[in-house]
Amino acid sequence: MTTGEKPRVLLHAYVTEKAMDEMERQNKLEFVVERRATRGDVKRAVEDLYKAKVAKVTIKVGRPGKIATVRFTKDYSSEDIGSRAGVF
């Protein structure tokens, strides 16, 4: 990493049957994130990258690494953002 370069917070979208259900029913997406990422880091990264307002971020550590669940405000569709994130 060169000087002044920001570390990558979002590694990739995390797609499971449960994640797909949450996307449809609760306007949420899941991402595998960098181990040192905080909820604030994830919120800023998602808002900057996808130009969407985040309502809430929760983080859990699982087998694939650190997973962030991001819920968007009603003004933004997680399905639209998911298609840009490579879920479909």
PDB file of N, CA and C in Angstrom:
ATOM      1  N   MET A   1       0.845  -1.175   0.000  1.00  0.00           N
ATOM      2  CA  MET A   1       0.000   0.000   0.000  1.00  0.00           C
ATOM      3  C   MET A   1       0.889   1.236   0.000  1.00  0.00           C
ATOM      4  N   THR A   2       0.574   2.164  -0.858  1.00  0.00           N
ATOM      5  CA  THR A   2       1.370   3.373  -0.934  1.00  0.00           C
ATOM      6  C   THR A   2       0.913   4.379   0.112  1.00  0.00           C
ATOM      7  N   THR A   3       1.729   5.362   0.358  1.00  0.00           N
ATOM      8  CA  THR A   3       1.399   6.380   1.352  1.00  0.00           C
ATOM      9  C   THR A   3       0.164   7.153   0.920  1.00  0.00           C
ATOM     10  N   GLY A   4      -0.764   7.347   1.856  1.00  0.00           N
ATOM     11  CA  GLY A   4      -1.974   8.100   1.574  1.00  0.00           C
ATOM     12  C   GLY A   4      -3.107   7.264   1.014  1.00  0.00           C
ATOM     13  N   GLU A   5      -2.847   6.007   0.682  1.00  0.00           N
ATOM     14  CA  GLU A   5      -3.894   5.141   0.139  1.00  0.00           C
ATOM     15  C   GLU A   5      -4.724   4.567   1.276  1.00  0.00           C
ATOM     16  N   LYS A   6      -6.054   4.604   1.119  1.00  0.00           N
ATOM     17  CA  LYS A   6      -6.934   4.079   2.160  1.00  0.00           C
ATOM     18  C   LYS A   6      -7.007   2.563   2.067  1.00  0.00           C
ATOM     19  N   PRO A   7      -7.011   1.874   3.214  1.00  0.00           N
ATOM     20  CA  PRO A   7      -7.161   0.416   3.170  1.00  0.00           C
ATOM     21  C   PRO A   7      -8.563   0.054   2.688  1.00  0.00           C
ATOM     22  N   ARG A   8      -8.671  -1.066   2.030  1.00  0.00           N
ATOM     23  CA  ARG A   8      -9.958  -1.534   1.512  1.00  0.00           C
ATOM     24  C   ARG A   8     -10.762  -2.140   2.655  1.00  0.00           C
ATOM     25  N   VAL A   9     -11.944  -1.602   2.914  1.00  0.00           N
ATOM     26  CA  VAL A   9     -12.779  -2.064   4.026  1.00  0.00           C
ATOM     27  C   VAL A   9     -13.672  -3.214   3.579  1.00  0.00           C
ATOM     28  N   LEU A  10     -14.399  -3.034   2.466  1.00  0.00           N
ATOM     29  CA  LEU A  10     -15.309  -4.056   1.962  1.00  0.00           C
ATOM     30  C   LEU A  10     -14.539  -5.009   1.055  1.00  0.00           C
ATOM     31  N   LEU A  11     -14.516  -6.294   1.396  1.00  0.00           N
ATOM     32  CA  LEU A  11     -13.801  -7.255   0.565  1.00  0.00           C
ATOM     33  C   LEU A  11     -14.695  -7.792  -0.544  1.00  0.00           C
ATOM     34  N   HIS A  12     -15.900  -8.259  -0.202  1.00  0.00           N
ATOM     35  CA  HIS A  12     -16.865  -8.712  -1.208  1.00  0.00           C
ATOM     36  C   HIS A  12     -18.216  -8.940  -0.541  1.00  0.00           C
ATOM     37  N   ALA A  13     -19.239  -9.043  -1.392  1.00  0.00           N
ATOM     38  CA  ALA A  13     -20.585  -9.332  -0.881  1.00  0.00           C
ATOM     39  C   ALA A  13     -20.605 -10.768  -0.367  1.00  0.00           C
ATOM     40  N   TYR A  14     -21.394 -11.018   0.668  1.00  0.00           N
ATOM     41  CA  TYR A  14     -21.514 -12.350   1.265  1.00  0.00           C
ATOM     42  C   TYR A  14     -22.914 -12.856   0.939  1.00  0.00           C
ATOM     43  N   VAL A  15     -22.990 -13.883   0.110  1.00  0.00           N
ATOM     44  CA  VAL A  15     -24.272 -14.358  -0.390  1.00  0.00           C
ATOM     45  C   VAL A  15     -24.584 -15.741   0.169  1.00  0.00           C
ATOM     46  N   THR A  16     -25.653 -15.804   0.951  1.00  0.00           N
ATOM     47  CA  THR A  16     -26.184 -17.070   1.456  1.00  0.00           C
ATOM     48  C   THR A  16     -27.698 -17.013   1.262  1.00  0.00           C
ATOM     49  N   GLU A  17     -28.357 -18.129   1.517  1.00  0.00           N
ATOM     50  CA  GLU A  17     -29.811 -18.141   1.417  1.00  0.00           C
ATOM     51  C   GLU A  17     -30.422 -17.142   2.404  1.00  0.00           C
ATOM     52  N   LYS A  18     -29.884 -17.109   3.611  1.00  0.00           N
ATOM     53  CA  LYS A  18     -30.375 -16.176   4.633  1.00  0.00           C
ATOM     54  C   LYS A  18     -30.137 -14.729   4.198  1.00  0.00           C
ATOM     55  N   ALA A  19     -28.957 -14.453   3.639  1.00  0.00           N
ATOM     56  CA  ALA A  19     -28.638 -13.095   3.198  1.00  0.00           C
ATOM     57  C   ALA A  19     -29.584 -12.656   2.077  1.00  0.00           C
ATOM     58  N   MET A  20     -29.927 -13.574   1.176  1.00  0.00           N
ATOM     59  CA  MET A  20     -30.850 -13.248   0.084  1.00  0.00           C
ATOM     60  C   MET A  20     -32.251 -12.949   0.647  1.00  0.00           C
ATOM     61  N   ASP A  21     -32.671 -13.714   1.639  1.00  0.00           N
ATOM     62  CA  ASP A  21     -33.967 -13.491   2.272  1.00  0.00           C
ATOM     63  C   ASP A  21     -34.003 -12.126   2.961  1.00  0.00           C
ATOM     64  N   GLU A  22     -32.924 -11.789   3.685  1.00  0.00           N
ATOM     65  CA  GLU A  22     -32.851 -10.486   4.360  1.00  0.00           C
ATOM     66  C   GLU A  22     -32.846  -9.345   3.353  1.00  0.00           C
ATOM     67  N   MET A  23     -32.224  -9.569   2.200  1.00  0.00           N
ATOM     68  CA  MET A  23     -32.186  -8.534   1.175  1.00  0.00           C
ATOM     69  C   MET A  23     -33.607  -8.236   0.695  1.00  0.00           C
ATOM     70  N   GLU A  24     -34.392  -9.270   0.472  1.00  0.00           N
ATOM     71  CA  GLU A  24     -35.759  -9.084  -0.023  1.00  0.00           C
ATOM     72  C   GLU A  24     -36.702  -8.541   1.050  1.00  0.00           C
ATOM     73  N   ARG A  25     -36.616  -9.070   2.246  1.00  0.00           N
ATOM     74  CA  ARG A  25     -37.600  -8.753   3.282  1.00  0.00           C
ATOM     75  C   ARG A  25     -37.231  -7.576   4.185  1.00  0.00           C
ATOM     76  N   GLN A  26     -35.924  -7.381   4.439  1.00  0.00           N
ATOM     77  CA  GLN A  26     -35.517  -6.387   5.435  1.00  0.00           C
ATOM     78  C   GLN A  26     -34.601  -5.293   4.899  1.00  0.00           C
ATOM     79  N   ASN A  27     -34.395  -5.259   3.577  1.00  0.00           N
ATOM     80  CA  ASN A  27     -33.564  -4.223   2.951  1.00  0.00           C
ATOM     81  C   ASN A  27     -32.127  -4.238   3.488  1.00  0.00           C
ATOM     82  N   LYS A  28     -31.553  -5.456   3.608  1.00  0.00           N
ATOM     83  CA  LYS A  28     -30.200  -5.613   4.138  1.00  0.00           C
ATOM     84  C   LYS A  28     -29.296  -6.314   3.130  1.00  0.00           C
ATOM     85  N   LEU A  29     -28.003  -6.022   3.225  1.00  0.00           N
ATOM     86  CA  LEU A  29     -26.963  -6.727   2.471  1.00  0.00           C
ATOM     87  C   LEU A  29     -25.869  -7.131   3.443  1.00  0.00           C
ATOM     88  N   GLU A  30     -25.176  -8.220   3.120  1.00  0.00           N
ATOM     89  CA  GLU A  30     -24.046  -8.649   3.946  1.00  0.00           C
ATOM     90  C   GLU A  30     -22.769  -8.573   3.128  1.00  0.00           C
ATOM     91  N   PHE A  31     -21.694  -8.148   3.799  1.00  0.00           N
ATOM     92  CA  PHE A  31     -20.378  -8.034   3.178  1.00  0.00           C
ATOM     93  C   PHE A  31     -19.340  -8.686   4.078  1.00  0.00           C
ATOM     94  N   VAL A  32     -18.354  -9.352   3.472  1.00  0.00           N
ATOM     95  CA  VAL A  32     -17.171  -9.758   4.209  1.00  0.00           C
ATOM     96  C   VAL A  32     -16.280  -8.525   4.231  1.00  0.00           C
ATOM     97  N   VAL A  33     -15.827  -8.153   5.434  1.00  0.00           N
ATOM     98  CA  VAL A  33     -15.060  -6.917   5.589  1.00  0.00           C
ATOM     99  C   VAL A  33     -13.686  -7.205   6.179  1.00  0.00           C
ATOM    100  N   GLU A  34     -12.817  -6.230   6.099  1.00  0.00           N
ATOM    101  CA  GLU A  34     -11.470  -6.313   6.648  1.00  0.00           C
ATOM    102  C   GLU A  34     -11.551  -6.556   8.149  1.00  0.00           C
ATOM    103  N   ARG A  35     -10.672  -7.357   8.680  1.00  0.00           N
ATOM    104  CA  ARG A  35     -10.704  -7.740  10.101  1.00  0.00           C
ATOM    105  C   ARG A  35     -10.714  -6.564  11.073  1.00  0.00           C
ATOM    106  N   ARG A  36     -10.016  -5.497  10.759  1.00  0.00           N
ATOM    107  CA  ARG A  36      -9.923  -4.358  11.676  1.00  0.00           C
ATOM    108  C   ARG A  36     -11.026  -3.329  11.466  1.00  0.00           C
ATOM    109  N   ALA A  37     -11.940  -3.583  10.534  1.00  0.00           N
ATOM    110  CA  ALA A  37     -12.987  -2.611  10.211  1.00  0.00           C
ATOM    111  C   ALA A  37     -13.989  -2.473  11.360  1.00  0.00           C
ATOM    112  N   THR A  38     -14.378  -1.239  11.628  1.00  0.00           N
ATOM    113  CA  THR A  38     -15.397  -0.954  12.637  1.00  0.00           C
ATOM    114  C   THR A  38     -16.730  -0.702  11.926  1.00  0.00           C
ATOM    115  N   ARG A  39     -17.800  -0.590  12.711  1.00  0.00           N
ATOM    116  CA  ARG A  39     -19.105  -0.282  12.119  1.00  0.00           C
ATOM    117  C   ARG A  39     -19.060   1.052  11.375  1.00  0.00           C
ATOM    118  N   GLY A  40     -18.387   2.023  11.946  1.00  0.00           N
ATOM    119  CA  GLY A  40     -18.263   3.335  11.286  1.00  0.00           C
ATOM    120  C   GLY A  40     -17.509   3.244   9.977  1.00  0.00           C
ATOM    121  N   ASP A  41     -16.437   2.450   9.949  1.00  0.00           N
ATOM    122  CA  ASP A  41     -15.669   2.252   8.715  1.00  0.00           C
ATOM    123  C   ASP A  41     -16.548   1.643   7.624  1.00  0.00           C
ATOM    124  N   VAL A  42     -17.323   0.627   8.013  1.00  0.00           N
ATOM    125  CA  VAL A  42     -18.194  -0.058   7.049  1.00  0.00           C
ATOM    126  C   VAL A  42     -19.255   0.902   6.528  1.00  0.00           C
ATOM    127  N   LYS A  43     -19.875   1.666   7.429  1.00  0.00           N
ATOM    128  CA  LYS A  43     -20.913   2.617   7.024  1.00  0.00           C
ATOM    129  C   LYS A  43     -20.362   3.632   6.025  1.00  0.00           C
ATOM    130  N   ARG A  44     -19.206   4.213   6.330  1.00  0.00           N
ATOM    131  CA  ARG A  44     -18.597   5.193   5.424  1.00  0.00           C
ATOM    132  C   ARG A  44     -18.258   4.565   4.080  1.00  0.00           C
ATOM    133  N   ALA A  45     -17.699   3.351   4.097  1.00  0.00           N
ATOM    134  CA  ALA A  45     -17.300   2.688   2.852  1.00  0.00           C
ATOM    135  C   ALA A  45     -18.510   2.397   1.971  1.00  0.00           C
ATOM    136  N   VAL A  46     -19.591   1.892   2.562  1.00  0.00           N
ATOM    137  CA  VAL A  46     -20.793   1.574   1.785  1.00  0.00           C
ATOM    138  C   VAL A  46     -21.420   2.855   1.236  1.00  0.00           C
ATOM    139  N   GLU A  47     -21.532   3.878   2.068  1.00  0.00           N
ATOM    140  CA  GLU A  47     -22.132   5.131   1.613  1.00  0.00           C
ATOM    141  C   GLU A  47     -21.305   5.779   0.510  1.00  0.00           C
ATOM    142  N   ASP A  48     -19.973   5.729   0.618  1.00  0.00           N
ATOM    143  CA  ASP A  48     -19.104   6.305  -0.415  1.00  0.00           C
ATOM    144  C   ASP A  48     -19.158   5.504  -1.708  1.00  0.00           C
ATOM    145  N   LEU A  49     -19.093   4.190  -1.600  1.00  0.00           N
ATOM    146  CA  LEU A  49     -19.012   3.336  -2.781  1.00  0.00           C
ATOM    147  C   LEU A  49     -20.332   3.234  -3.532  1.00  0.00           C
ATOM    148  N   TYR A  50     -21.444   3.096  -2.804  1.00  0.00           N
ATOM    149  CA  TYR A  50     -22.738   2.864  -3.448  1.00  0.00           C
ATOM    150  C   TYR A  50     -23.661   4.069  -3.422  1.00  0.00           C
ATOM    151  N   LYS A  51     -23.214   5.191  -2.844  1.00  0.00           N
ATOM    152  CA  LYS A  51     -24.006   6.429  -2.789  1.00  0.00           C
ATOM    153  C   LYS A  51     -25.406   6.160  -2.241  1.00  0.00           C
ATOM    154  N   ALA A  52     -25.460   5.421  -1.127  1.00  0.00           N
ATOM    155  CA  ALA A  52     -26.725   5.066  -0.491  1.00  0.00           C
ATOM    156  C   ALA A  52     -26.622   5.335   1.007  1.00  0.00           C
ATOM    157  N   LYS A  53     -27.722   5.704   1.615  1.00  0.00           N
ATOM    158  CA  LYS A  53     -27.756   6.014   3.045  1.00  0.00           C
ATOM    159  C   LYS A  53     -27.941   4.734   3.858  1.00  0.00           C
ATOM    160  N   VAL A  54     -27.055   4.527   4.825  1.00  0.00           N
ATOM    161  CA  VAL A  54     -27.088   3.344   5.681  1.00  0.00           C
ATOM    162  C   VAL A  54     -27.829   3.671   6.971  1.00  0.00           C
ATOM    163  N   ALA A  55     -28.791   2.802   7.346  1.00  0.00           N
ATOM    164  CA  ALA A  55     -29.542   2.995   8.580  1.00  0.00           C
ATOM    165  C   ALA A  55     -28.814   2.373   9.761  1.00  0.00           C
ATOM    166  N   LYS A  56     -28.239   1.161   9.565  1.00  0.00           N
ATOM    167  CA  LYS A  56     -27.614   0.451  10.677  1.00  0.00           C
ATOM    168  C   LYS A  56     -26.595  -0.560  10.149  1.00  0.00           C
ATOM    169  N   VAL A  57     -25.531  -0.764  10.928  1.00  0.00           N
ATOM    170  CA  VAL A  57     -24.521  -1.774  10.610  1.00  0.00           C
ATOM    171  C   VAL A  57     -24.327  -2.657  11.828  1.00  0.00           C
ATOM    172  N   THR A  58     -24.386  -3.968  11.626  1.00  0.00           N
ATOM    173  CA  THR A  58     -24.024  -4.922  12.679  1.00  0.00           C
ATOM    174  C   THR A  58     -22.904  -5.791  12.149  1.00  0.00           C
ATOM    175  N   ILE A  59     -22.030  -6.220  13.048  1.00  0.00           N
ATOM    176  CA  ILE A  59     -20.856  -7.009  12.651  1.00  0.00           C
ATOM    177  C   ILE A  59     -20.802  -8.282  13.476  1.00  0.00           C
ATOM    178  N   LYS A  60     -20.463  -9.379  12.798  1.00  0.00           N
ATOM    179  CA  LYS A  60     -20.241 -10.651  13.476  1.00  0.00           C
ATOM    180  C   LYS A  60     -19.007 -11.300  12.863  1.00  0.00           C
ATOM    181  N   VAL A  61     -18.370 -12.166  13.628  1.00  0.00           N
ATOM    182  CA  VAL A  61     -17.210 -12.889  13.129  1.00  0.00           C
ATOM    183  C   VAL A  61     -17.641 -14.324  12.895  1.00  0.00           C
ATOM    184  N   GLY A  62     -17.433 -14.796  11.687  1.00  0.00           N
ATOM    185  CA  GLY A  62     -17.836 -16.150  11.316  1.00  0.00           C
ATOM    186  C   GLY A  62     -16.714 -16.878  10.607  1.00  0.00           C
ATOM    187  N   ARG A  63     -17.044 -18.013  10.070  1.00  0.00           N
ATOM    188  CA  ARG A  63     -16.060 -18.844   9.376  1.00  0.00           C
ATOM    189  C   ARG A  63     -15.378 -18.112   8.214  1.00  0.00           C
ATOM    190  N   PRO A  64     -16.134 -17.367   7.382  1.00  0.00           N
ATOM    191  CA  PRO A  64     -15.458 -16.690   6.264  1.00  0.00           C
ATOM    192  C   PRO A  64     -14.694 -15.439   6.687  1.00  0.00           C
ATOM    193  N   GLY A  65     -14.774 -15.043   7.945  1.00  0.00           N
ATOM    194  CA  GLY A  65     -14.114 -13.827   8.422  1.00  0.00           C
ATOM    195  C   GLY A  65     -15.119 -12.919   9.104  1.00  0.00           C
ATOM    196  N   LYS A  66     -14.860 -11.640   9.050  1.00  0.00           N
ATOM    197  CA  LYS A  66     -15.733 -10.654   9.674  1.00  0.00           C
ATOM    198  C   LYS A  66     -16.836 -10.276   8.685  1.00  0.00           C
ATOM    199  N   ILE A  67     -18.093 -10.413   9.117  1.00  0.00           N
ATOM    200  CA  ILE A  67     -19.228 -10.172   8.235  1.00  0.00           C
ATOM    201  C   ILE A  67     -20.041  -8.994   8.773  1.00  0.00           C
ATOM    202  N   ALA A  68     -20.269  -8.018   7.902  1.00  0.00           N
ATOM    203  CA  ALA A  68     -21.072  -6.844   8.266  1.00  0.00           C
ATOM    204  C   ALA A  68     -22.427  -6.951   7.590  1.00  0.00           C
ATOM    205  N   THR A  69     -23.487  -6.785   8.378  1.00  0.00           N
ATOM    206  CA  THR A  69     -24.841  -6.716   7.841  1.00  0.00           C
ATOM    207  C   THR A  69     -25.233  -5.248   7.810  1.00  0.00           C
ATOM    208  N   VAL A  70     -25.567  -4.773   6.627  1.00  0.00           N
ATOM    209  CA  VAL A  70     -25.864  -3.353   6.424  1.00  0.00           C
ATOM    210  C   VAL A  70     -27.342  -3.210   6.068  1.00  0.00           C
ATOM    211  N   ARG A  71     -28.073  -2.429   6.871  1.00  0.00           N
ATOM    212  CA  ARG A  71     -29.477  -2.140   6.556  1.00  0.00           C
ATOM    213  C   ARG A  71     -29.538  -0.727   5.986  1.00  0.00           C
ATOM    214  N   PHE A  72     -30.229  -0.598   4.863  1.00  0.00           N
ATOM    215  CA  PHE A  72     -30.347   0.691   4.183  1.00  0.00           C
ATOM    216  C   PHE A  72     -31.636   1.394   4.584  1.00  0.00           C
ATOM    217  N   THR A  73     -31.652   2.705   4.424  1.00  0.00           N
ATOM    218  CA  THR A  73     -32.875   3.458   4.692  1.00  0.00           C
ATOM    219  C   THR A  73     -33.914   3.104   3.635  1.00  0.00           C
ATOM    220  N   LYS A  74     -35.168   3.472   3.892  1.00  0.00           N
ATOM    221  CA  LYS A  74     -36.261   3.131   2.979  1.00  0.00           C
ATOM    222  C   LYS A  74     -36.103   3.754   1.593  1.00  0.00           C
ATOM    223  N   ASP A  75     -35.310   4.806   1.484  1.00  0.00           N
ATOM    224  CA  ASP A  75     -35.109   5.489   0.198  1.00  0.00           C
ATOM    225  C   ASP A  75     -34.248   4.691  -0.776  1.00  0.00           C
ATOM    226  N   TYR A  76     -33.556   3.658  -0.299  1.00  0.00           N
ATOM    227  CA  TYR A  76     -32.630   2.893  -1.130  1.00  0.00           C
ATOM    228  C   TYR A  76     -33.005   1.418  -1.100  1.00  0.00           C
ATOM    229  N   SER A  77     -32.862   0.757  -2.240  1.00  0.00           N
ATOM    230  CA  SER A  77     -33.209  -0.655  -2.362  1.00  0.00           C
ATOM    231  C   SER A  77     -31.949  -1.516  -2.258  1.00  0.00           C
ATOM    232  N   SER A  78     -31.952  -2.460  -1.324  1.00  0.00           N
ATOM    233  CA  SER A  78     -30.804  -3.356  -1.187  1.00  0.00           C
ATOM    234  C   SER A  78     -30.648  -4.232  -2.426  1.00  0.00           C
ATOM    235  N   GLU A  79     -31.738  -4.506  -3.131  1.00  0.00           N
ATOM    236  CA  GLU A  79     -31.652  -5.310  -4.352  1.00  0.00           C
ATOM    237  C   GLU A  79     -30.903  -4.556  -5.450  1.00  0.00           C
ATOM    238  N   ASP A  80     -31.163  -3.251  -5.592  1.00  0.00           N
ATOM    239  CA  ASP A  80     -30.435  -2.443  -6.573  1.00  0.00           C
ATOM    240  C   ASP A  80     -28.950  -2.370  -6.212  1.00  0.00           C
ATOM    241  N   ILE A  81     -28.678  -2.132  -4.940  1.00  0.00           N
ATOM    242  CA  ILE A  81     -27.286  -2.036  -4.490  1.00  0.00           C
ATOM    243  C   ILE A  81     -26.605  -3.394  -4.612  1.00  0.00           C
ATOM    244  N   GLY A  82     -27.336  -4.466  -4.299  1.00  0.00           N
ATOM    245  CA  GLY A  82     -26.794  -5.808  -4.435  1.00  0.00           C
ATOM    246  C   GLY A  82     -26.403  -6.135  -5.848  1.00  0.00           C
ATOM    247  N   SER A  83     -27.175  -5.683  -6.817  1.00  0.00           N
ATOM    248  CA  SER A  83     -26.819  -5.949  -8.209  1.00  0.00           C
ATOM    249  C   SER A  83     -25.536  -5.207  -8.582  1.00  0.00           C
ATOM    250  N   ARG A  84     -25.328  -4.018  -8.034  1.00  0.00           N
ATOM    251  CA  ARG A  84     -24.075  -3.294  -8.265  1.00  0.00           C
ATOM    252  C   ARG A  84     -22.901  -3.919  -7.533  1.00  0.00           C
ATOM    253  N   ALA A  85     -23.195  -4.604  -6.404  1.00  0.00           N
ATOM    254  CA  ALA A  85     -22.142  -5.235  -5.608  1.00  0.00           C
ATOM    255  C   ALA A  85     -21.771  -6.618  -6.134  1.00  0.00           C
ATOM    256  N   GLY A  86     -22.501  -7.098  -7.148  1.00  0.00           N
ATOM    257  CA  GLY A  86     -22.179  -8.397  -7.723  1.00  0.00           C
ATOM    258  C   GLY A  86     -22.882  -9.570  -7.087  1.00  0.00           C
ATOM    259  N   VAL A  87     -23.989  -9.319  -6.399  1.00  0.00           N
ATOM    260  CA  VAL A  87     -24.745 -10.412  -5.764  1.00  0.00           C
ATOM    261  C   VAL A  87     -25.446 -11.246  -6.825  1.00  0.00           C
ATOM    262  N   PHE A  88     -25.960 -10.595  -7.866  1.00  0.00           N
ATOM    263  CA  PHE A  88     -26.702 -11.312  -8.914  1.00  0.00           C
ATOM    264  C   PHE A  88     -25.823 -11.602 -10.100  1.00  0.00           C
TER     265      PHE A  88
END
